[in-house]
Structure formats: structure tokens, C-alpha cells
């Protein structure tokens, strides 16, 4: 799960965050599915609302998820702030 700020706020300034489910493997499976290629995501998700939301996103993207284990209380999380995005106008790719 990725939390990100809006505009150019730092995390210390933000009072709200956008939440997106993703990560390298999740994104690859979703991308393949988007091209009509059968893909499956294998992981372990907690049995709580965060786990349910992640499953919902996978189903929405038509990614196979029948081998996902459920259990535990944690879900991986990472943070992404707008101020770290690469700006093309500065000459970066």
C-alpha cells in the first residue's frame, strides 16, 4: 500500500493522504492483466479491511488471486511524496 501527499506537501505538512495499492509485483500482475495476459498475484494479506481492499483492487484489475494466503495483522506500506517526483522540465528523464 502506498501513501502519498497531495500537491507539494511534505509528509509533516499533510493532514490527508492518498492510498493506492501497488508495489512492483502487484503492478506487473496488473499490467499483464491489462494486456489480456493471465496473471496471478501470490502473497499473504491480513484478515482486516486493508487486506480486503487489496483483494478488491486485484479483482477489479482481473488479476487471479486464488492462492493468496490470509492471516496476520500487517500489510507492507511505503510512502511517496510529490516533492520527490522527477520533473522533466529540469532536464531529468
PDB file of N, CA and C in Angstrom:
ATOM      1  N   UNK A   1       0.848  -1.156   0.000  1.00  0.00           N
ATOM      2  CA  UNK A   1       0.000   0.000   0.000  1.00  0.00           C
ATOM      3  C   UNK A   1       0.901   1.228   0.000  1.00  0.00           C
ATOM      4  N   UNK A   2       0.563   2.185  -0.863  1.00  0.00           N
ATOM      5  CA  UNK A   2       1.354   3.415  -0.948  1.00  0.00           C
ATOM      6  C   UNK A   2       0.532   4.579  -0.427  1.00  0.00           C
ATOM      7  N   UNK A   3       1.117   5.338   0.457  1.00  0.00           N
ATOM      8  CA  UNK A   3       0.522   6.594   0.909  1.00  0.00           C
ATOM      9  C   UNK A   3       1.285   7.727   0.262  1.00  0.00           C
ATOM     10  N   UNK A   4       0.549   8.678  -0.283  1.00  0.00           N
ATOM     11  CA  UNK A   4       1.198   9.824  -0.916  1.00  0.00           C
ATOM     12  C   UNK A   4       0.483  11.103  -0.512  1.00  0.00           C
ATOM     13  N   UNK A   5       1.206  12.199  -0.594  1.00  0.00           N
ATOM     14  CA  UNK A   5       0.638  13.507  -0.263  1.00  0.00           C
ATOM     15  C   UNK A   5       0.082  14.156  -1.523  1.00  0.00           C
ATOM     16  N   UNK A   6      -0.718  15.164  -1.312  1.00  0.00           N
ATOM     17  CA  UNK A   6      -1.239  15.934  -2.434  1.00  0.00           C
ATOM     18  C   UNK A   6      -0.372  17.180  -2.621  1.00  0.00           C
ATOM     19  N   UNK A   7      -0.463  17.749  -3.809  1.00  0.00           N
ATOM     20  CA  UNK A   7       0.302  18.958  -4.144  1.00  0.00           C
ATOM     21  C   UNK A   7       1.774  18.729  -3.878  1.00  0.00           C
ATOM     22  N   UNK A   8       2.440  19.713  -3.303  1.00  0.00           N
ATOM     23  CA  UNK A   8       3.861  19.578  -2.992  1.00  0.00           C
ATOM     24  C   UNK A   8       4.088  19.540  -1.493  1.00  0.00           C
ATOM     25  N   UNK A   9       3.148  18.965  -0.768  1.00  0.00           N
ATOM     26  CA  UNK A   9       3.266  18.914   0.678  1.00  0.00           C
ATOM     27  C   UNK A   9       4.302  17.885   1.119  1.00  0.00           C
ATOM     28  N   UNK A  10       4.974  18.221   2.189  1.00  0.00           N
ATOM     29  CA  UNK A  10       5.818  17.241   2.852  1.00  0.00           C
ATOM     30  C   UNK A  10       4.906  16.394   3.734  1.00  0.00           C
ATOM     31  N   UNK A  11       5.383  15.229   4.125  1.00  0.00           N
ATOM     32  CA  UNK A  11       4.557  14.388   4.974  1.00  0.00           C
ATOM     33  C   UNK A  11       4.241  15.077   6.297  1.00  0.00           C
ATOM     34  N   UNK A  12       5.162  15.858   6.800  1.00  0.00           N
ATOM     35  CA  UNK A  12       4.920  16.551   8.067  1.00  0.00           C
ATOM     36  C   UNK A  12       3.869  17.644   7.938  1.00  0.00           C
ATOM     37  N   UNK A  13       3.604  18.115   6.705  1.00  0.00           N
ATOM     38  CA  UNK A  13       2.603  19.154   6.474  1.00  0.00           C
ATOM     39  C   UNK A  13       1.229  18.584   6.158  1.00  0.00           C
ATOM     40  N   UNK A  14       1.187  17.373   5.667  1.00  0.00           N
ATOM     41  CA  UNK A  14      -0.064  16.797   5.170  1.00  0.00           C
ATOM     42  C   UNK A  14      -1.002  16.404   6.306  1.00  0.00           C
ATOM     43  N   UNK A  15      -2.270  16.604   6.067  1.00  0.00           N
ATOM     44  CA  UNK A  15      -3.305  16.161   7.005  1.00  0.00           C
ATOM     45  C   UNK A  15      -4.151  15.049   6.397  1.00  0.00           C
ATOM     46  N   UNK A  16      -4.035  14.866   5.086  1.00  0.00           N
ATOM     47  CA  UNK A  16      -4.709  13.768   4.402  1.00  0.00           C
ATOM     48  C   UNK A  16      -3.712  13.113   3.451  1.00  0.00           C
ATOM     49  N   UNK A  17      -3.952  11.846   3.141  1.00  0.00           N
ATOM     50  CA  UNK A  17      -3.080  11.096   2.245  1.00  0.00           C
ATOM     51  C   UNK A  17      -3.914  10.328   1.243  1.00  0.00           C
ATOM     52  N   UNK A  18      -3.364  10.157   0.046  1.00  0.00           N
ATOM     53  CA  UNK A  18      -3.962   9.268  -0.948  1.00  0.00           C
ATOM     54  C   UNK A  18      -3.444   7.868  -0.684  1.00  0.00           C
ATOM     55  N   UNK A  19      -4.307   6.883  -0.863  1.00  0.00           N
ATOM     56  CA  UNK A  19      -3.934   5.493  -0.634  1.00  0.00           C
ATOM     57  C   UNK A  19      -4.110   4.720  -1.934  1.00  0.00           C
ATOM     58  N   UNK A  20      -3.047   4.060  -2.379  1.00  0.00           N
ATOM     59  CA  UNK A  20      -3.096   3.221  -3.572  1.00  0.00           C
ATOM     60  C   UNK A  20      -2.441   1.894  -3.243  1.00  0.00           C
ATOM     61  N   UNK A  21      -3.005   0.835  -3.785  1.00  0.00           N
ATOM     62  CA  UNK A  21      -2.399  -0.476  -3.616  1.00  0.00           C
ATOM     63  C   UNK A  21      -1.475  -0.725  -4.786  1.00  0.00           C
ATOM     64  N   UNK A  22      -0.294  -1.213  -4.507  1.00  0.00           N
ATOM     65  CA  UNK A  22       0.673  -1.424  -5.567  1.00  0.00           C
ATOM     66  C   UNK A  22       1.941  -2.038  -5.027  1.00  0.00           C
ATOM     67  N   UNK A  23       3.004  -1.778  -5.702  1.00  0.00           N
ATOM     68  CA  UNK A  23       4.286  -2.397  -5.434  1.00  0.00           C
ATOM     69  C   UNK A  23       4.714  -3.077  -6.721  1.00  0.00           C
ATOM     70  N   UNK A  24       5.949  -3.443  -6.822  1.00  0.00           N
ATOM     71  CA  UNK A  24       6.498  -3.977  -8.072  1.00  0.00           C
ATOM     72  C   UNK A  24       5.716  -5.171  -8.594  1.00  0.00           C
ATOM     73  N   UNK A  25       5.537  -6.180  -7.763  1.00  0.00           N
ATOM     74  CA  UNK A  25       4.865  -7.402  -8.222  1.00  0.00           C
ATOM     75  C   UNK A  25       3.396  -7.141  -8.535  1.00  0.00           C
ATOM     76  N   UNK A  26       2.731  -6.381  -7.686  1.00  0.00           N
ATOM     77  CA  UNK A  26       1.331  -6.024  -7.891  1.00  0.00           C
ATOM     78  C   UNK A  26       1.173  -5.291  -9.222  1.00  0.00           C
ATOM     79  N   UNK A  27       2.053  -4.328  -9.477  1.00  0.00           N
ATOM     80  CA  UNK A  27       1.971  -3.530 -10.699  1.00  0.00           C
ATOM     81  C   UNK A  27       2.229  -4.369 -11.946  1.00  0.00           C
ATOM     82  N   UNK A  28       3.162  -5.306 -11.875  1.00  0.00           N
ATOM     83  CA  UNK A  28       3.434  -6.180 -13.023  1.00  0.00           C
ATOM     84  C   UNK A  28       2.219  -7.051 -13.313  1.00  0.00           C
ATOM     85  N   UNK A  29       1.648  -7.665 -12.277  1.00  0.00           N
ATOM     86  CA  UNK A  29       0.466  -8.510 -12.467  1.00  0.00           C
ATOM     87  C   UNK A  29      -0.687  -7.697 -13.052  1.00  0.00           C
ATOM     88  N   UNK A  30      -0.899  -6.492 -12.548  1.00  0.00           N
ATOM     89  CA  UNK A  30      -1.970  -5.643 -13.054  1.00  0.00           C
ATOM     90  C   UNK A  30      -1.709  -5.235 -14.504  1.00  0.00           C
ATOM     91  N   UNK A  31      -0.463  -4.914 -14.821  1.00  0.00           N
ATOM     92  CA  UNK A  31      -0.113  -4.535 -16.185  1.00  0.00           C
ATOM     93  C   UNK A  31      -0.335  -5.664 -17.175  1.00  0.00           C
ATOM     94  N   UNK A  32       0.099  -6.866 -16.812  1.00  0.00           N
ATOM     95  CA  UNK A  32      -0.105  -8.022 -17.683  1.00  0.00           C
ATOM     96  C   UNK A  32      -1.589  -8.285 -17.893  1.00  0.00           C
ATOM     97  N   UNK A  33      -2.342  -8.211 -16.821  1.00  0.00           N
ATOM     98  CA  UNK A  33      -3.781  -8.429 -16.920  1.00  0.00           C
ATOM     99  C   UNK A  33      -4.427  -7.388 -17.826  1.00  0.00           C
ATOM    100  N   UNK A  34      -3.949  -6.158 -17.749  1.00  0.00           N
ATOM    101  CA  UNK A  34      -4.459  -5.093 -18.604  1.00  0.00           C
ATOM    102  C   UNK A  34      -4.241  -5.373 -20.082  1.00  0.00           C
ATOM    103  N   UNK A  35      -3.213  -6.150 -20.403  1.00  0.00           N
ATOM    104  CA  UNK A  35      -2.937  -6.542 -21.787  1.00  0.00           C
ATOM    105  C   UNK A  35      -3.618  -7.855 -22.160  1.00  0.00           C
ATOM    106  N   UNK A  36      -4.464  -8.372 -21.266  1.00  0.00           N
ATOM    107  CA  UNK A  36      -5.175  -9.603 -21.555  1.00  0.00           C
ATOM    108  C   UNK A  36      -4.392 -10.862 -21.281  1.00  0.00           C
ATOM    109  N   UNK A  37      -3.269 -10.747 -20.588  1.00  0.00           N
ATOM    110  CA  UNK A  37      -2.438 -11.902 -20.252  1.00  0.00           C
ATOM    111  C   UNK A  37      -2.819 -12.366 -18.846  1.00  0.00           C
ATOM    112  N   UNK A  38      -3.133 -13.659 -18.725  1.00  0.00           N
ATOM    113  CA  UNK A  38      -3.477 -14.190 -17.403  1.00  0.00           C
ATOM    114  C   UNK A  38      -2.312 -13.963 -16.450  1.00  0.00           C
ATOM    115  N   UNK A  39      -2.617 -13.399 -15.303  1.00  0.00           N
ATOM    116  CA  UNK A  39      -1.585 -13.174 -14.302  1.00  0.00           C
ATOM    117  C   UNK A  39      -2.150 -13.504 -12.931  1.00  0.00           C
ATOM    118  N   UNK A  40      -1.260 -13.870 -12.045  1.00  0.00           N
ATOM    119  CA  UNK A  40      -1.674 -14.233 -10.693  1.00  0.00           C
ATOM    120  C   UNK A  40      -0.749 -13.560  -9.693  1.00  0.00           C
ATOM    121  N   UNK A  41      -1.323 -13.104  -8.616  1.00  0.00           N
ATOM    122  CA  UNK A  41      -0.574 -12.459  -7.544  1.00  0.00           C
ATOM    123  C   UNK A  41      -0.584 -13.401  -6.349  1.00  0.00           C
ATOM    124  N   UNK A  42       0.592 -13.753  -5.852  1.00  0.00           N
ATOM    125  CA  UNK A  42       0.704 -14.662  -4.720  1.00  0.00           C
ATOM    126  C   UNK A  42       1.370 -13.908  -3.583  1.00  0.00           C
ATOM    127  N   UNK A  43       0.687 -13.841  -2.454  1.00  0.00           N
ATOM    128  CA  UNK A  43       1.198 -13.112  -1.302  1.00  0.00           C
ATOM    129  C   UNK A  43       0.416 -13.551  -0.076  1.00  0.00           C
ATOM    130  N   UNK A  44       0.630 -12.872   1.011  1.00  0.00           N
ATOM    131  CA  UNK A  44      -0.163 -13.061   2.219  1.00  0.00           C
ATOM    132  C   UNK A  44      -0.725 -11.711   2.610  1.00  0.00           C
ATOM    133  N   UNK A  45      -2.024 -11.655   2.812  1.00  0.00           N
ATOM    134  CA  UNK A  45      -2.692 -10.412   3.187  1.00  0.00           C
ATOM    135  C   UNK A  45      -3.356 -10.580   4.551  1.00  0.00           C
ATOM    136  N   UNK A  46      -3.385  -9.518   5.327  1.00  0.00           N
ATOM    137  CA  UNK A  46      -4.037  -9.615   6.636  1.00  0.00           C
ATOM    138  C   UNK A  46      -5.550  -9.785   6.501  1.00  0.00           C
ATOM    139  N   UNK A  47      -6.131 -10.379   7.507  1.00  0.00           N
ATOM    140  CA  UNK A  47      -7.583 -10.542   7.534  1.00  0.00           C
ATOM    141  C   UNK A  47      -8.197  -9.325   8.229  1.00  0.00           C
ATOM    142  N   UNK A  48      -8.154  -8.205   7.538  1.00  0.00           N
ATOM    143  CA  UNK A  48      -8.762  -6.974   8.035  1.00  0.00           C
ATOM    144  C   UNK A  48      -9.166  -6.124   6.825  1.00  0.00           C
ATOM    145  N   UNK A  49      -9.616  -4.909   7.066  1.00  0.00           N
ATOM    146  CA  UNK A  49     -10.099  -4.053   5.968  1.00  0.00           C
ATOM    147  C   UNK A  49      -9.027  -3.753   4.935  1.00  0.00           C
ATOM    148  N   UNK A  50      -7.794  -3.573   5.365  1.00  0.00           N
ATOM    149  CA  UNK A  50      -6.729  -3.296   4.410  1.00  0.00           C
ATOM    150  C   UNK A  50      -6.521  -4.476   3.476  1.00  0.00           C
ATOM    151  N   UNK A  51      -6.531  -5.691   4.024  1.00  0.00           N
ATOM    152  CA  UNK A  51      -6.410  -6.886   3.201  1.00  0.00           C
ATOM    153  C   UNK A  51      -7.583  -7.035   2.246  1.00  0.00           C
ATOM    154  N   UNK A  52      -8.787  -6.746   2.726  1.00  0.00           N
ATOM    155  CA  UNK A  52      -9.977  -6.818   1.874  1.00  0.00           C
ATOM    156  C   UNK A  52      -9.895  -5.810   0.739  1.00  0.00           C
ATOM    157  N   UNK A  53      -9.440  -4.612   1.029  1.00  0.00           N
ATOM    158  CA  UNK A  53      -9.312  -3.585  -0.006  1.00  0.00           C
ATOM    159  C   UNK A  53      -8.277  -3.969  -1.051  1.00  0.00           C
ATOM    160  N   UNK A  54      -7.172  -4.573  -0.615  1.00  0.00           N
ATOM    161  CA  UNK A  54      -6.158  -5.024  -1.565  1.00  0.00           C
ATOM    162  C   UNK A  54      -6.730  -6.103  -2.478  1.00  0.00           C
ATOM    163  N   UNK A  55      -7.482  -7.047  -1.917  1.00  0.00           N
ATOM    164  CA  UNK A  55      -8.126  -8.085  -2.729  1.00  0.00           C
ATOM    165  C   UNK A  55      -9.122  -7.474  -3.714  1.00  0.00           C
ATOM    166  N   UNK A  56      -9.876  -6.493  -3.269  1.00  0.00           N
ATOM    167  CA  UNK A  56     -10.831  -5.822  -4.135  1.00  0.00           C
ATOM    168  C   UNK A  56     -10.124  -5.205  -5.339  1.00  0.00           C
ATOM    169  N   UNK A  57      -8.989  -4.557  -5.094  1.00  0.00           N
ATOM    170  CA  UNK A  57      -8.231  -3.944  -6.189  1.00  0.00           C
ATOM    171  C   UNK A  57      -7.745  -4.996  -7.177  1.00  0.00           C
ATOM    172  N   UNK A  58      -7.254  -6.123  -6.670  1.00  0.00           N
ATOM    173  CA  UNK A  58      -6.802  -7.200  -7.553  1.00  0.00           C
ATOM    174  C   UNK A  58      -7.946  -7.732  -8.404  1.00  0.00           C
ATOM    175  N   UNK A  59      -9.085  -7.940  -7.782  1.00  0.00           N
ATOM    176  CA  UNK A  59     -10.259  -8.442  -8.516  1.00  0.00           C
ATOM    177  C   UNK A  59     -10.717  -7.441  -9.561  1.00  0.00           C
ATOM    178  N   UNK A  60     -10.700  -6.175  -9.183  1.00  0.00           N
ATOM    179  CA  UNK A  60     -11.107  -5.116 -10.111  1.00  0.00           C
ATOM    180  C   UNK A  60     -10.208  -5.104 -11.347  1.00  0.00           C
ATOM    181  N   UNK A  61      -8.929  -5.403 -11.154  1.00  0.00           N
ATOM    182  CA  UNK A  61      -7.960  -5.417 -12.250  1.00  0.00           C
ATOM    183  C   UNK A  61      -7.886  -6.771 -12.955  1.00  0.00           C
ATOM    184  N   UNK A  62      -8.757  -7.705 -12.539  1.00  0.00           N
ATOM    185  CA  UNK A  62      -8.835  -9.042 -13.130  1.00  0.00           C
ATOM    186  C   UNK A  62      -7.531  -9.837 -12.987  1.00  0.00           C
ATOM    187  N   UNK A  63      -6.892  -9.683 -11.833  1.00  0.00           N
ATOM    188  CA  UNK A  63      -5.691 -10.446 -11.507  1.00  0.00           C
ATOM    189  C   UNK A  63      -6.124 -11.653 -10.675  1.00  0.00           C
ATOM    190  N   UNK A  64      -5.679 -12.840 -11.069  1.00  0.00           N
ATOM    191  CA  UNK A  64      -6.004 -14.056 -10.323  1.00  0.00           C
ATOM    192  C   UNK A  64      -5.449 -13.932  -8.904  1.00  0.00           C
ATOM    193  N   UNK A  65      -6.236 -14.363  -7.931  1.00  0.00           N
ATOM    194  CA  UNK A  65      -5.807 -14.218  -6.540  1.00  0.00           C
ATOM    195  C   UNK A  65      -6.190 -15.405  -5.681  1.00  0.00           C
ATOM    196  N   UNK A  66      -6.431 -16.557  -6.291  1.00  0.00           N
ATOM    197  CA  UNK A  66      -6.903 -17.724  -5.548  1.00  0.00           C
ATOM    198  C   UNK A  66      -5.841 -18.321  -4.623  1.00  0.00           C
ATOM    199  N   UNK A  67      -4.585 -18.008  -4.821  1.00  0.00           N
ATOM    200  CA  UNK A  67      -3.516 -18.561  -3.977  1.00  0.00           C
ATOM    201  C   UNK A  67      -2.996 -17.571  -2.944  1.00  0.00           C
ATOM    202  N   UNK A  68      -3.752 -16.532  -2.691  1.00  0.00           N
ATOM    203  CA  UNK A  68      -3.353 -15.574  -1.658  1.00  0.00           C
ATOM    204  C   UNK A  68      -3.717 -16.140  -0.299  1.00  0.00           C
ATOM    205  N   UNK A  69      -2.741 -16.171   0.590  1.00  0.00           N
ATOM    206  CA  UNK A  69      -2.977 -16.608   1.957  1.00  0.00           C
ATOM    207  C   UNK A  69      -3.499 -15.439   2.772  1.00  0.00           C
ATOM    208  N   UNK A  70      -4.320 -15.736   3.756  1.00  0.00           N
ATOM    209  CA  UNK A  70      -4.846 -14.695   4.635  1.00  0.00           C
ATOM    210  C   UNK A  70      -4.360 -14.967   6.048  1.00  0.00           C
ATOM    211  N   UNK A  71      -3.977 -13.926   6.735  1.00  0.00           N
ATOM    212  CA  UNK A  71      -3.550 -14.062   8.119  1.00  0.00           C
ATOM    213  C   UNK A  71      -2.605 -12.957   8.511  1.00  0.00           C
ATOM    214  N   UNK A  72      -2.363 -12.873   9.777  1.00  0.00           N
ATOM    215  CA  UNK A  72      -1.506 -11.813  10.287  1.00  0.00           C
ATOM    216  C   UNK A  72      -2.264 -10.507  10.391  1.00  0.00           C
ATOM    217  N   UNK A  73      -1.557  -9.494  10.819  1.00  0.00           N
ATOM    218  CA  UNK A  73      -2.183  -8.188  11.020  1.00  0.00           C
ATOM    219  C   UNK A  73      -1.534  -7.084  10.207  1.00  0.00           C
ATOM    220  N   UNK A  74      -0.470  -7.387   9.475  1.00  0.00           N
ATOM    221  CA  UNK A  74       0.307  -6.330   8.823  1.00  0.00           C
ATOM    222  C   UNK A  74       0.199  -6.376   7.314  1.00  0.00           C
ATOM    223  N   UNK A  75       0.349  -5.202   6.721  1.00  0.00           N
ATOM    224  CA  UNK A  75       0.400  -5.044   5.282  1.00  0.00           C
ATOM    225  C   UNK A  75       1.566  -4.114   4.981  1.00  0.00           C
ATOM    226  N   UNK A  76       2.379  -4.469   3.995  1.00  0.00           N
ATOM    227  CA  UNK A  76       3.514  -3.615   3.636  1.00  0.00           C
ATOM    228  C   UNK A  76       3.029  -2.232   3.206  1.00  0.00           C
ATOM    229  N   UNK A  77       3.779  -1.221   3.569  1.00  0.00           N
ATOM    230  CA  UNK A  77       3.386   0.151   3.259  1.00  0.00           C
ATOM    231  C   UNK A  77       4.632   0.933   2.844  1.00  0.00           C
ATOM    232  N   UNK A  78       4.458   1.818   1.888  1.00  0.00           N
ATOM    233  CA  UNK A  78       5.552   2.719   1.543  1.00  0.00           C
ATOM    234  C   UNK A  78       4.992   4.101   1.276  1.00  0.00           C
ATOM    235  N   UNK A  79       5.844   5.084   1.334  1.00  0.00           N
ATOM    236  CA  UNK A  79       5.432   6.480   1.264  1.00  0.00           C
ATOM    237  C   UNK A  79       6.023   7.125   0.022  1.00  0.00           C
ATOM    238  N   UNK A  80       5.228   7.981  -0.593  1.00  0.00           N
ATOM    239  CA  UNK A  80       5.685   8.686  -1.791  1.00  0.00           C
ATOM    240  C   UNK A  80       5.182  10.109  -1.720  1.00  0.00           C
ATOM    241  N   UNK A  81       6.099  11.059  -1.625  1.00  0.00           N
ATOM    242  CA  UNK A  81       5.734  12.472  -1.588  1.00  0.00           C
ATOM    243  C   UNK A  81       5.959  13.127  -2.932  1.00  0.00           C
ATOM    244  N   UNK A  82       5.087  14.050  -3.307  1.00  0.00           N
ATOM    245  CA  UNK A  82       5.198  14.745  -4.591  1.00  0.00           C
ATOM    246  C   UNK A  82       6.541  15.441  -4.753  1.00  0.00           C
ATOM    247  N   UNK A  83       7.110  15.884  -3.683  1.00  0.00           N
ATOM    248  CA  UNK A  83       8.361  16.627  -3.814  1.00  0.00           C
ATOM    249  C   UNK A  83       9.511  15.751  -4.289  1.00  0.00           C
ATOM    250  N   UNK A  84       9.348  14.421  -4.309  1.00  0.00           N
ATOM    251  CA  UNK A  84      10.392  13.521  -4.766  1.00  0.00           C
ATOM    252  C   UNK A  84      10.208  13.096  -6.220  1.00  0.00           C
ATOM    253  N   UNK A  85       9.135  13.538  -6.853  1.00  0.00           N
ATOM    254  CA  UNK A  85       8.905  13.154  -8.244  1.00  0.00           C
ATOM    255  C   UNK A  85       9.912  13.846  -9.144  1.00  0.00           C
ATOM    256  N   UNK A  86      10.297  13.150 -10.182  1.00  0.00           N
ATOM    257  CA  UNK A  86      11.248  13.713 -11.132  1.00  0.00           C
ATOM    258  C   UNK A  86      10.522  14.700 -12.040  1.00  0.00           C
ATOM    259  N   UNK A  87      11.097  15.868 -12.199  1.00  0.00           N
ATOM    260  CA  UNK A  87      10.464  16.895 -13.013  1.00  0.00           C
ATOM    261  C   UNK A  87      11.175  16.986 -14.363  1.00  0.00           C
ATOM    262  N   UNK A  88      10.440  16.722 -15.423  1.00  0.00           N
ATOM    263  CA  UNK A  88      11.029  16.737 -16.766  1.00  0.00           C
ATOM    264  C   UNK A  88      11.561  18.110 -17.139  1.00  0.00           C
ATOM    265  N   UNK A  89      10.923  19.161 -16.669  1.00  0.00           N
ATOM    266  CA  UNK A  89      11.363  20.492 -17.062  1.00  0.00           C
ATOM    267  C   UNK A  89      12.744  20.832 -16.505  1.00  0.00           C
ATOM    268  N   UNK A  90      13.225  20.046 -15.548  1.00  0.00           N
ATOM    269  CA  UNK A  90      14.557  20.270 -15.005  1.00  0.00           C
ATOM    270  C   UNK A  90      15.629  19.494 -15.774  1.00  0.00           C
ATOM    271  N   UNK A  91      15.214  18.793 -16.811  1.00  0.00           N
ATOM    272  CA  UNK A  91      16.189  18.093 -17.635  1.00  0.00           C
ATOM    273  C   UNK A  91      16.415  16.658 -17.254  1.00  0.00           C
ATOM    274  N   UNK A  92      15.655  16.122 -16.329  1.00  0.00           N
ATOM    275  CA  UNK A  92      15.765  14.722 -15.945  1.00  0.00           C
ATOM    276  C   UNK A  92      14.790  13.907 -16.779  1.00  0.00           C
ATOM    277  N   UNK A  93      15.063  12.601 -16.887  1.00  0.00           N
ATOM    278  CA  UNK A  93      14.167  11.707 -17.604  1.00  0.00           C
ATOM    279  C   UNK A  93      12.887  11.499 -16.867  1.00  0.00           C
TER     280      UNK A  93
END
